[in-house]
Amino acid sequence: MRNSSEPIDTIELDLPKMAWQNLFWTIFLMITFFLVNGFVHHHFTFHITFLSCLLFIVIYIVLIILHEICHLLGFILFGKVPLSSLKYGVNFKMGVAYATTTKLLSVKAMKRALLLPFWLTGVIPAAIGFMVNSNLWLFLGAWLIAGAIGDFMMYTQLQKYPENYLVKDDPHYPKLYIYINEELD
């Protein structure tokens, strides 16, 4: 795909704002899921044990890793990028895991890749929690759904661009560069 050499716009996340929104949504979803689950199953129970805390931490870390792998999978499935273009890791300075591609994606493909982890690592654990009446899985789902707030913020900002425009993911920061796809314009 041919594109102009300079981006027409940049989408950059406001990390402090995102952190506050993440905290709000995590607490809100945990309380909401707990209450809805209690009404659905006709009883409210809440037990914290060392084992449940340990399980939460271990499964949460695994789900964060899977969240980023889902982005990579989205880049491949929706953006048709080669495996060699994918990068994955943890930015310890910023305290975030990341997944990126060195290739340009269409806005349409990027939006799909941004939301794939929400469904697979957020909604599915929450649904499991409701089905088996497990606060552990409900809370994991709440944390991972709220953890996708940055993905939703980027998705929302991408809505204003035509789906055929191109997106370059910044390899170091939560930032997207938007380009006009000159082949299609």
Protein backbone atom coordinates (compact mmCIF):
# COMPACT_ATOMS: atom_id res chain seq x y z
CA MET A 1 0.00 0.00 0.00
CA ARG A 2 1.26 3.40 -0.94
CA ASN A 3 0.71 6.23 1.54
CA SER A 4 1.84 9.78 2.11
CA SER A 5 5.07 9.98 4.06
CA GLU A 6 3.76 12.29 6.79
CA PRO A 7 0.86 11.40 9.08
CA ILE A 8 -2.20 13.61 8.83
CA ASP A 9 -2.95 13.14 12.53
CA THR A 10 -1.72 11.47 15.71
CA ILE A 11 -3.80 9.73 18.35
CA GLU A 12 -2.08 9.71 21.71
CA LEU A 13 -3.48 8.41 24.97
CA ASP A 14 -3.56 10.63 28.03
CA LEU A 15 -2.13 8.05 30.47
CA PRO A 16 -3.15 9.82 33.73
CA LYS A 17 -6.73 10.25 32.44
CA MET A 18 -6.75 6.64 31.28
CA ALA A 19 -5.53 5.44 34.69
CA TRP A 20 -8.38 7.23 36.50
CA GLN A 21 -10.95 5.89 34.04
CA ASN A 22 -9.49 2.41 34.44
CA LEU A 23 -9.80 2.65 38.24
CA PHE A 24 -13.38 3.93 38.02
CA TRP A 25 -14.49 1.21 35.59
CA THR A 26 -12.71 -1.55 37.51
CA ILE A 27 -14.51 -0.66 40.75
CA PHE A 28 -17.83 0.01 39.01
CA LEU A 29 -17.75 -3.29 37.09
CA MET A 30 -16.66 -5.33 40.11
CA ILE A 31 -19.55 -3.99 42.20
CA THR A 32 -22.05 -4.29 39.34
CA PHE A 33 -21.01 -7.83 38.43
CA PHE A 34 -21.11 -8.89 42.11
CA LEU A 35 -24.61 -7.47 42.58
CA VAL A 36 -26.02 -8.83 39.30
CA ASN A 37 -24.51 -12.25 40.03
CA GLY A 38 -26.04 -12.21 43.52
CA PHE A 39 -29.48 -11.46 42.12
CA VAL A 40 -29.13 -14.07 39.37
CA HIS A 41 -28.04 -16.81 41.79
CA HIS A 42 -30.25 -15.59 44.68
CA HIS A 43 -27.44 -15.19 47.19
CA PHE A 44 -24.47 -12.95 47.85
CA THR A 45 -21.22 -14.47 49.05
CA PHE A 46 -17.81 -12.94 49.21
CA HIS A 47 -14.79 -14.75 50.62
CA ILE A 48 -11.18 -13.68 50.32
CA THR A 49 -8.54 -16.29 50.99
CA PHE A 50 -4.84 -16.43 50.35
CA LEU A 51 -5.45 -19.03 47.66
CA SER A 52 -8.11 -16.92 45.90
CA CYS A 53 -5.76 -13.89 45.93
CA LEU A 54 -2.93 -15.98 44.55
CA LEU A 55 -5.18 -17.47 41.87
CA PHE A 56 -6.43 -13.99 40.94
CA ILE A 57 -2.88 -12.67 40.52
CA VAL A 58 -1.68 -15.66 38.47
CA ILE A 59 -4.74 -15.76 36.19
CA TYR A 60 -4.71 -11.96 35.83
CA ILE A 61 -1.10 -12.01 34.63
CA VAL A 62 -1.93 -14.82 32.18
CA LEU A 63 -4.94 -12.85 30.90
CA ILE A 64 -2.84 -9.70 30.43
CA ILE A 65 -0.39 -11.73 28.35
CA LEU A 66 -3.31 -13.20 26.38
CA HIS A 67 -4.75 -9.68 25.94
CA GLU A 68 -1.60 -8.59 24.12
CA ILE A 69 -1.43 -11.84 22.14
CA CYS A 70 -5.00 -11.13 21.00
CA HIS A 71 -3.80 -7.79 19.58
CA LEU A 72 -1.09 -9.65 17.66
CA LEU A 73 -3.64 -12.16 16.45
CA GLY A 74 -5.87 -9.27 15.35
CA PHE A 75 -3.00 -7.70 13.41
CA ILE A 76 -2.52 -11.00 11.58
CA LEU A 77 -6.20 -11.86 11.02
CA PHE A 78 -7.56 -8.43 10.19
CA GLY A 79 -4.45 -6.59 8.96
CA LYS A 80 -2.85 -9.52 7.11
CA VAL A 81 0.59 -8.59 8.48
CA PRO A 82 3.48 -11.09 8.49
CA LEU A 83 4.65 -12.66 11.75
CA SER A 84 8.01 -10.96 11.29
CA SER A 85 6.35 -7.54 11.74
CA LEU A 86 5.03 -8.31 15.23
CA LYS A 87 6.59 -7.11 18.48
CA TYR A 88 5.55 -7.92 22.03
CA GLY A 89 6.87 -6.99 25.43
CA VAL A 90 6.58 -4.96 28.62
CA ASN A 91 7.45 -1.29 29.02
CA PHE A 92 8.50 -1.27 32.67
CA LYS A 93 8.89 2.54 32.75
CA MET A 94 5.26 3.01 31.76
CA GLY A 95 4.06 -0.12 33.56
CA VAL A 96 2.30 -1.57 30.54
CA ALA A 97 2.50 -4.63 28.35
CA TYR A 98 2.38 -3.93 24.63
CA ALA A 99 1.87 -5.59 21.28
CA THR A 100 2.59 -3.83 18.02
CA THR A 101 3.31 -4.30 14.36
CA THR A 102 5.77 -2.44 12.20
CA LYS A 103 3.32 -2.60 9.26
CA LEU A 104 0.56 -0.16 8.40
CA LEU A 105 -2.98 -1.35 8.95
CA SER A 106 -6.24 0.04 7.64
CA VAL A 107 -8.34 1.90 10.20
CA LYS A 108 -10.89 -0.91 9.88
CA ALA A 109 -8.30 -3.60 10.69
CA MET A 110 -6.83 -1.59 13.59
CA LYS A 111 -10.26 -1.06 15.16
CA ARG A 112 -10.92 -4.80 15.03
CA ALA A 113 -7.48 -5.62 16.44
CA LEU A 114 -8.01 -3.11 19.26
CA LEU A 115 -11.28 -4.71 20.42
CA LEU A 116 -10.45 -8.41 20.01
CA PRO A 117 -8.85 -8.70 23.49
CA PHE A 118 -11.87 -7.05 25.14
CA TRP A 119 -14.06 -9.92 23.98
CA LEU A 120 -11.65 -12.79 24.53
CA THR A 121 -9.97 -11.81 27.81
CA GLY A 122 -12.67 -9.60 29.38
CA VAL A 123 -16.16 -10.64 28.35
CA ILE A 124 -15.50 -14.40 28.29
CA PRO A 125 -14.08 -14.56 31.87
CA ALA A 126 -16.99 -12.42 33.11
CA ALA A 127 -19.48 -14.72 31.34
CA ILE A 128 -17.79 -17.75 32.92
CA GLY A 129 -18.10 -16.04 36.32
CA PHE A 130 -21.85 -15.55 35.84
CA MET A 131 -22.35 -19.11 34.57
CA VAL A 132 -20.47 -20.83 37.40
CA ASN A 133 -21.26 -18.24 40.10
CA SER A 134 -17.60 -17.35 40.66
CA ASN A 135 -16.58 -13.95 42.01
CA LEU A 136 -12.98 -14.76 41.04
CA TRP A 137 -13.91 -14.97 37.34
CA LEU A 138 -16.33 -12.04 37.59
CA PHE A 139 -13.61 -9.83 39.07
CA LEU A 140 -11.04 -11.00 36.50
CA GLY A 141 -13.51 -10.13 33.75
CA ALA A 142 -14.13 -6.71 35.34
CA TRP A 143 -10.40 -5.97 35.58
CA LEU A 144 -9.72 -7.03 31.98
CA ILE A 145 -12.76 -5.20 30.57
CA ALA A 146 -11.69 -2.03 32.41
CA GLY A 147 -8.11 -2.73 31.35
CA ALA A 148 -9.20 -2.35 27.74
CA ILE A 149 -10.05 1.34 28.35
CA GLY A 150 -7.03 2.47 26.33
CA ASP A 151 -8.10 0.27 23.45
CA PHE A 152 -11.59 1.80 23.58
CA MET A 153 -10.15 5.32 23.71
CA MET A 154 -8.11 4.66 20.57
CA TYR A 155 -11.04 2.93 18.89
CA THR A 156 -13.27 5.94 19.58
CA GLN A 157 -10.73 8.35 18.12
CA LEU A 158 -10.29 6.14 15.04
CA GLN A 159 -14.05 6.40 14.36
CA LYS A 160 -13.62 9.82 12.73
CA TYR A 161 -11.38 8.47 9.93
CA PRO A 162 -12.44 6.57 6.82
CA GLU A 163 -11.90 2.83 7.20
CA ASN A 164 -9.45 2.75 4.30
CA TYR A 165 -7.05 5.27 5.89
CA LEU A 166 -3.88 3.73 7.26
CA VAL A 167 -2.64 3.48 10.84
CA LYS A 168 0.91 3.07 12.12
CA ASP A 169 1.26 1.89 15.70
CA ASP A 170 4.06 3.60 17.64
CA PRO A 171 6.46 0.91 18.89
CA HIS A 172 7.24 2.70 22.17
CA TYR A 173 4.22 4.76 23.25
CA PRO A 174 0.43 4.37 23.23
CA LYS A 175 0.19 6.42 20.05
CA LEU A 176 -1.21 5.89 16.56
CA TYR A 177 -0.25 7.78 13.40
CA ILE A 178 -2.94 8.27 10.75
CA TYR A 179 -2.12 8.36 7.04
CA ILE A 180 -4.22 8.88 3.94
CA ASN A 181 -4.24 5.79 1.75
CA GLU A 182 -3.38 7.41 -1.59
CA GLU A 183 -4.06 4.19 -3.50
CA LEU A 184 -7.73 4.36 -2.63
CA ASP A 185 -8.34 8.13 -2.45
